[in-house]
Amino acid sequence: MEPITLHPIGVIRSPFTELEKMPIQPAGARDVRGTVILDEAHTDGLQDLEGFSHIFLIYHFHRAQRIELQVVPFLDTRKRGVFATRSPLRPSHIGMSIVELCSLAGNCIEIRGVDILDGTPLLDIKPYMPPFDRFEKATSGWMKVSRATIENRRSDDRFL
């Protein structure tokens, strides 16, 4: 396959400057606020986004230094295939989070529920649309923990 070159369209700002002790998912960062700063050249692409309550942020795990095809996820004790996890040690180092869109002004989006490292390069934004994105009979494979467990879990150094 031919290599793909992606260019960031902006940056994600959050209160998290170190990987350790960060929430491991947006559910654990429910009240954490952040800002998406889009490159000004892309500002027109934000038109009509303010009507959505939540957005997908697609980003580059810029601090990931290695690739592991099997990892021990934060919520488990055994190795799992990386594609059955949300580990940053994936071959393309791409991450995704659903965050609440609080406000939009110019090229800045104020968000809540951010579980992303400060300075993370943003690759794309997509609106969360319940008719498209929510599945009533969805299952979570191996992951059998409660939402409360997810909300209280913090990262450690396993993915450094």
Foldseek 3Di string as FASTA:
>chain_A
DDDDDFDFQWWKAFPAADQFFFQPALLQFQATKIKTFGDLVCQVVCPPVVVFFKKKWKFAQVPQDAADQWDADLQGDDTDGVVLDQACRHPRSMHMHIWTFDDDDRRMTMTTSDRDHGGIGTRDMGGDDCVPHDDPPDDSPPDDDDSVVSNPGTDHPRRD
